[in-house]
Structures are given as C-alpha cells and as structure tokens.
N, C-alpha and C. Protein backbone atom coordinates (compact mmCIF):
# COMPACT_ATOMS: atom_id res chain seq x y z
N MET A 1 3.54 4.82 -35.44
CA MET A 1 3.45 5.29 -34.07
C MET A 1 4.66 4.73 -33.30
N PRO A 2 5.39 5.57 -32.58
CA PRO A 2 6.57 5.09 -31.85
C PRO A 2 6.15 4.20 -30.68
N ALA A 3 6.99 3.23 -30.38
CA ALA A 3 6.72 2.33 -29.26
C ALA A 3 6.89 3.08 -27.93
N ARG A 4 6.04 2.72 -26.98
CA ARG A 4 6.14 3.34 -25.66
C ARG A 4 7.38 2.81 -24.95
N PRO A 5 8.08 3.68 -24.23
CA PRO A 5 9.26 3.20 -23.49
C PRO A 5 8.82 2.23 -22.38
N ARG A 6 9.67 1.27 -22.10
CA ARG A 6 9.35 0.27 -21.08
C ARG A 6 9.43 0.92 -19.70
N LEU A 7 8.42 0.65 -18.89
CA LEU A 7 8.36 1.18 -17.53
C LEU A 7 9.27 0.37 -16.62
N ILE A 8 10.11 1.03 -15.88
CA ILE A 8 11.00 0.36 -14.93
C ILE A 8 10.43 0.60 -13.54
N ARG A 9 10.07 -0.48 -12.87
CA ARG A 9 9.47 -0.40 -11.53
C ARG A 9 10.55 -0.42 -10.45
N ALA A 10 10.20 0.09 -9.28
CA ALA A 10 11.14 0.11 -8.16
C ALA A 10 11.58 -1.29 -7.78
N SER A 11 10.66 -2.25 -7.85
CA SER A 11 11.02 -3.62 -7.51
C SER A 11 12.06 -4.17 -8.47
N GLU A 12 11.98 -3.76 -9.73
CA GLU A 12 12.97 -4.21 -10.70
C GLU A 12 14.34 -3.60 -10.40
N ILE A 13 14.37 -2.35 -9.99
CA ILE A 13 15.63 -1.72 -9.60
C ILE A 13 16.21 -2.43 -8.38
N GLY A 14 15.34 -2.74 -7.41
CA GLY A 14 15.78 -3.46 -6.23
C GLY A 14 16.34 -4.83 -6.58
N GLU A 15 15.68 -5.50 -7.51
CA GLU A 15 16.16 -6.81 -7.96
C GLU A 15 17.54 -6.67 -8.60
N TYR A 16 17.73 -5.64 -9.42
CA TYR A 16 19.01 -5.42 -10.08
C TYR A 16 20.10 -5.11 -9.05
N VAL A 17 19.79 -4.26 -8.09
CA VAL A 17 20.78 -3.89 -7.08
C VAL A 17 21.16 -5.11 -6.24
N TYR A 18 20.15 -5.92 -5.90
CA TYR A 18 20.40 -7.11 -5.09
C TYR A 18 21.28 -8.10 -5.84
N CYS A 19 20.94 -8.38 -7.10
CA CYS A 19 21.73 -9.33 -7.89
C CYS A 19 21.51 -9.03 -9.37
N HIS A 20 22.45 -8.35 -9.96
CA HIS A 20 22.28 -7.97 -11.36
C HIS A 20 22.24 -9.19 -12.27
N ARG A 21 22.88 -10.28 -11.88
CA ARG A 21 22.84 -11.50 -12.69
C ARG A 21 21.43 -12.10 -12.70
N ALA A 22 20.77 -12.13 -11.53
CA ALA A 22 19.40 -12.64 -11.46
C ALA A 22 18.46 -11.76 -12.27
N TRP A 23 18.68 -10.45 -12.22
CA TRP A 23 17.86 -9.54 -13.02
C TRP A 23 18.03 -9.86 -14.50
N TRP A 24 19.27 -10.01 -14.93
CA TRP A 24 19.56 -10.29 -16.34
C TRP A 24 18.94 -11.61 -16.77
N LEU A 25 19.06 -12.64 -15.93
CA LEU A 25 18.48 -13.94 -16.28
C LEU A 25 16.97 -13.85 -16.41
N GLY A 26 16.33 -13.13 -15.52
CA GLY A 26 14.87 -13.04 -15.55
C GLY A 26 14.33 -12.10 -16.60
N ARG A 27 14.93 -10.92 -16.70
CA ARG A 27 14.37 -9.89 -17.58
C ARG A 27 14.87 -9.99 -19.01
N VAL A 28 16.11 -10.35 -19.20
CA VAL A 28 16.67 -10.39 -20.54
C VAL A 28 16.56 -11.79 -21.14
N GLN A 29 16.94 -12.79 -20.36
CA GLN A 29 16.95 -14.16 -20.87
C GLN A 29 15.60 -14.86 -20.71
N GLY A 30 14.71 -14.30 -19.86
CA GLY A 30 13.38 -14.89 -19.69
C GLY A 30 13.35 -16.15 -18.85
N GLU A 31 14.39 -16.39 -18.05
CA GLU A 31 14.43 -17.57 -17.17
C GLU A 31 13.44 -17.39 -16.03
N ALA A 32 12.75 -18.46 -15.68
CA ALA A 32 11.80 -18.43 -14.57
C ALA A 32 12.54 -18.57 -13.24
N SER A 33 12.03 -17.92 -12.23
CA SER A 33 12.61 -18.00 -10.89
C SER A 33 12.30 -19.37 -10.29
N ILE A 34 13.22 -19.85 -9.45
CA ILE A 34 12.99 -21.16 -8.82
C ILE A 34 12.25 -21.01 -7.48
N ASN A 35 12.08 -19.82 -7.00
CA ASN A 35 11.41 -19.62 -5.71
C ASN A 35 10.00 -19.07 -5.90
N VAL A 36 9.22 -19.72 -6.72
CA VAL A 36 7.86 -19.27 -7.04
C VAL A 36 6.97 -19.31 -5.80
N ALA A 37 7.11 -20.36 -4.99
CA ALA A 37 6.27 -20.48 -3.79
C ALA A 37 6.54 -19.32 -2.82
N GLU A 38 7.80 -18.98 -2.63
CA GLU A 38 8.14 -17.88 -1.73
C GLU A 38 7.61 -16.55 -2.25
N MET A 39 7.70 -16.36 -3.57
CA MET A 39 7.18 -15.12 -4.15
C MET A 39 5.66 -15.05 -4.03
N ALA A 40 4.98 -16.19 -4.18
CA ALA A 40 3.52 -16.19 -4.01
C ALA A 40 3.15 -15.88 -2.57
N ALA A 41 3.91 -16.43 -1.62
CA ALA A 41 3.66 -16.13 -0.21
C ALA A 41 3.89 -14.66 0.08
N GLY A 42 4.93 -14.09 -0.53
CA GLY A 42 5.20 -12.66 -0.35
C GLY A 42 4.10 -11.80 -0.92
N ALA A 43 3.59 -12.19 -2.09
CA ALA A 43 2.48 -11.43 -2.70
C ALA A 43 1.24 -11.49 -1.81
N GLY A 44 0.99 -12.67 -1.23
CA GLY A 44 -0.15 -12.79 -0.32
C GLY A 44 0.03 -11.93 0.92
N GLY A 45 1.25 -11.89 1.44
CA GLY A 45 1.53 -11.04 2.59
C GLY A 45 1.34 -9.57 2.28
N HIS A 46 1.76 -9.16 1.09
CA HIS A 46 1.56 -7.77 0.67
C HIS A 46 0.07 -7.45 0.53
N ALA A 47 -0.70 -8.39 0.01
CA ALA A 47 -2.14 -8.17 -0.14
C ALA A 47 -2.80 -8.03 1.23
N ARG A 48 -2.43 -8.89 2.17
CA ARG A 48 -3.00 -8.78 3.53
C ARG A 48 -2.60 -7.46 4.19
N HIS A 49 -1.36 -7.05 4.00
CA HIS A 49 -0.91 -5.78 4.57
C HIS A 49 -1.70 -4.62 3.96
N GLY A 50 -1.93 -4.67 2.66
CA GLY A 50 -2.72 -3.63 2.00
C GLY A 50 -4.13 -3.53 2.56
N GLN A 51 -4.74 -4.68 2.84
CA GLN A 51 -6.08 -4.69 3.43
C GLN A 51 -6.04 -4.09 4.83
N THR A 52 -5.00 -4.40 5.59
CA THR A 52 -4.87 -3.85 6.94
C THR A 52 -4.70 -2.33 6.89
N VAL A 53 -3.91 -1.85 5.96
CA VAL A 53 -3.70 -0.41 5.82
C VAL A 53 -5.00 0.28 5.43
N ALA A 54 -5.76 -0.33 4.52
CA ALA A 54 -7.05 0.26 4.11
C ALA A 54 -8.02 0.30 5.29
N ALA A 55 -8.06 -0.77 6.08
CA ALA A 55 -8.94 -0.79 7.26
C ALA A 55 -8.52 0.28 8.26
N ALA A 56 -7.21 0.46 8.45
CA ALA A 56 -6.73 1.49 9.37
C ALA A 56 -7.14 2.88 8.89
N GLY A 57 -7.10 3.10 7.59
CA GLY A 57 -7.54 4.39 7.05
C GLY A 57 -9.01 4.65 7.31
N CYS A 58 -9.83 3.60 7.16
CA CYS A 58 -11.26 3.74 7.43
C CYS A 58 -11.50 4.03 8.91
N LEU A 59 -10.78 3.33 9.78
CA LEU A 59 -10.94 3.57 11.22
C LEU A 59 -10.48 4.98 11.60
N GLN A 60 -9.43 5.46 10.95
CA GLN A 60 -8.97 6.82 11.23
C GLN A 60 -10.02 7.84 10.80
N LEU A 61 -10.63 7.63 9.65
CA LEU A 61 -11.68 8.53 9.19
C LEU A 61 -12.86 8.50 10.16
N ALA A 62 -13.25 7.31 10.62
CA ALA A 62 -14.34 7.20 11.59
C ALA A 62 -14.00 7.94 12.88
N ALA A 63 -12.75 7.84 13.32
CA ALA A 63 -12.33 8.54 14.54
C ALA A 63 -12.45 10.05 14.36
N TYR A 64 -12.04 10.58 13.21
CA TYR A 64 -12.17 12.01 12.96
C TYR A 64 -13.63 12.45 12.96
N ILE A 65 -14.48 11.63 12.39
CA ILE A 65 -15.91 11.94 12.37
C ILE A 65 -16.47 11.98 13.78
N PHE A 66 -16.10 10.99 14.60
CA PHE A 66 -16.60 10.96 15.98
C PHE A 66 -16.05 12.13 16.80
N ILE A 67 -14.82 12.52 16.57
CA ILE A 67 -14.26 13.68 17.27
C ILE A 67 -15.03 14.95 16.88
N ALA A 68 -15.29 15.12 15.60
CA ALA A 68 -16.05 16.28 15.14
C ALA A 68 -17.45 16.27 15.73
N LEU A 69 -18.08 15.12 15.77
CA LEU A 69 -19.41 14.99 16.35
C LEU A 69 -19.38 15.33 17.84
N ALA A 70 -18.36 14.89 18.55
CA ALA A 70 -18.24 15.19 19.97
C ALA A 70 -18.07 16.68 20.20
N VAL A 71 -17.32 17.34 19.35
CA VAL A 71 -17.13 18.79 19.48
C VAL A 71 -18.45 19.51 19.24
N VAL A 72 -19.20 19.09 18.23
CA VAL A 72 -20.50 19.72 17.95
C VAL A 72 -21.45 19.51 19.13
N VAL A 73 -21.50 18.30 19.67
CA VAL A 73 -22.38 18.03 20.81
C VAL A 73 -21.96 18.87 22.01
N ALA A 74 -20.66 19.00 22.26
CA ALA A 74 -20.19 19.81 23.38
C ALA A 74 -20.55 21.27 23.20
N VAL A 75 -20.41 21.79 22.01
CA VAL A 75 -20.75 23.19 21.77
C VAL A 75 -22.24 23.42 21.96
N VAL A 76 -23.06 22.53 21.43
CA VAL A 76 -24.53 22.66 21.58
C VAL A 76 -24.90 22.56 23.06
N TRP A 77 -24.28 21.62 23.77
CA TRP A 77 -24.60 21.46 25.19
C TRP A 77 -24.19 22.69 25.99
N LEU A 78 -23.00 23.24 25.71
CA LEU A 78 -22.56 24.44 26.42
C LEU A 78 -23.43 25.63 26.08
N ALA A 79 -23.87 25.74 24.82
CA ALA A 79 -24.71 26.85 24.42
C ALA A 79 -26.07 26.78 25.12
N SER A 80 -26.60 25.57 25.26
CA SER A 80 -27.91 25.43 25.93
C SER A 80 -27.78 25.61 27.44
N ALA A 81 -26.62 25.27 28.01
CA ALA A 81 -26.42 25.42 29.44
C ALA A 81 -26.23 26.89 29.83
N MET A 82 -25.76 27.71 28.92
CA MET A 82 -25.52 29.12 29.22
C MET A 82 -26.79 29.95 29.13
N GLN A 83 -27.84 29.38 28.60
CA GLN A 83 -29.08 30.17 28.46
C GLN A 83 -29.91 30.11 29.69
C-alpha cells in the first residue's frame, strides 16, 4: 500500500515564509522550539477565541429565532385585530 502524502498545513507554510531556517530546524532536523511557553499561551488564546466565536454563533441563532417569533406574533396579532 503506498504511503499517504504528508499534509502541509497553513501554519507550516506561514512558519516557512516567516523563517525558512526555523522551519527546516523544526520539521527536518527535529529541533524543539525554545519558545514553548509563548506557543502554549498562543494555543490557549486560540482556544478561548474559538469558544467566543461558538458562543457568538449560538447567540446569533437565538436572535434569528426571536426575530422569527416576533414576526409570527405580529402577524397573528394583526390578523386577530382585523376581524
């Protein structure tokens, strides 16, 4: 069975563009980065941002539901007022 081609992520391309030597040291030579704490803080920040985006999506869905409900109530109220 042929080996699957290695997936190249956008972050890896960004790392290469920023510093091709750092990319080579990390990806080819297997050297560990010296800024592990900063990368962990960045990962935590990305996780918090993801949670905020998910919460915003839920709030947007709730807003659409309430708008639809308000339209239905207005139509029912106008229909009953015209009779």
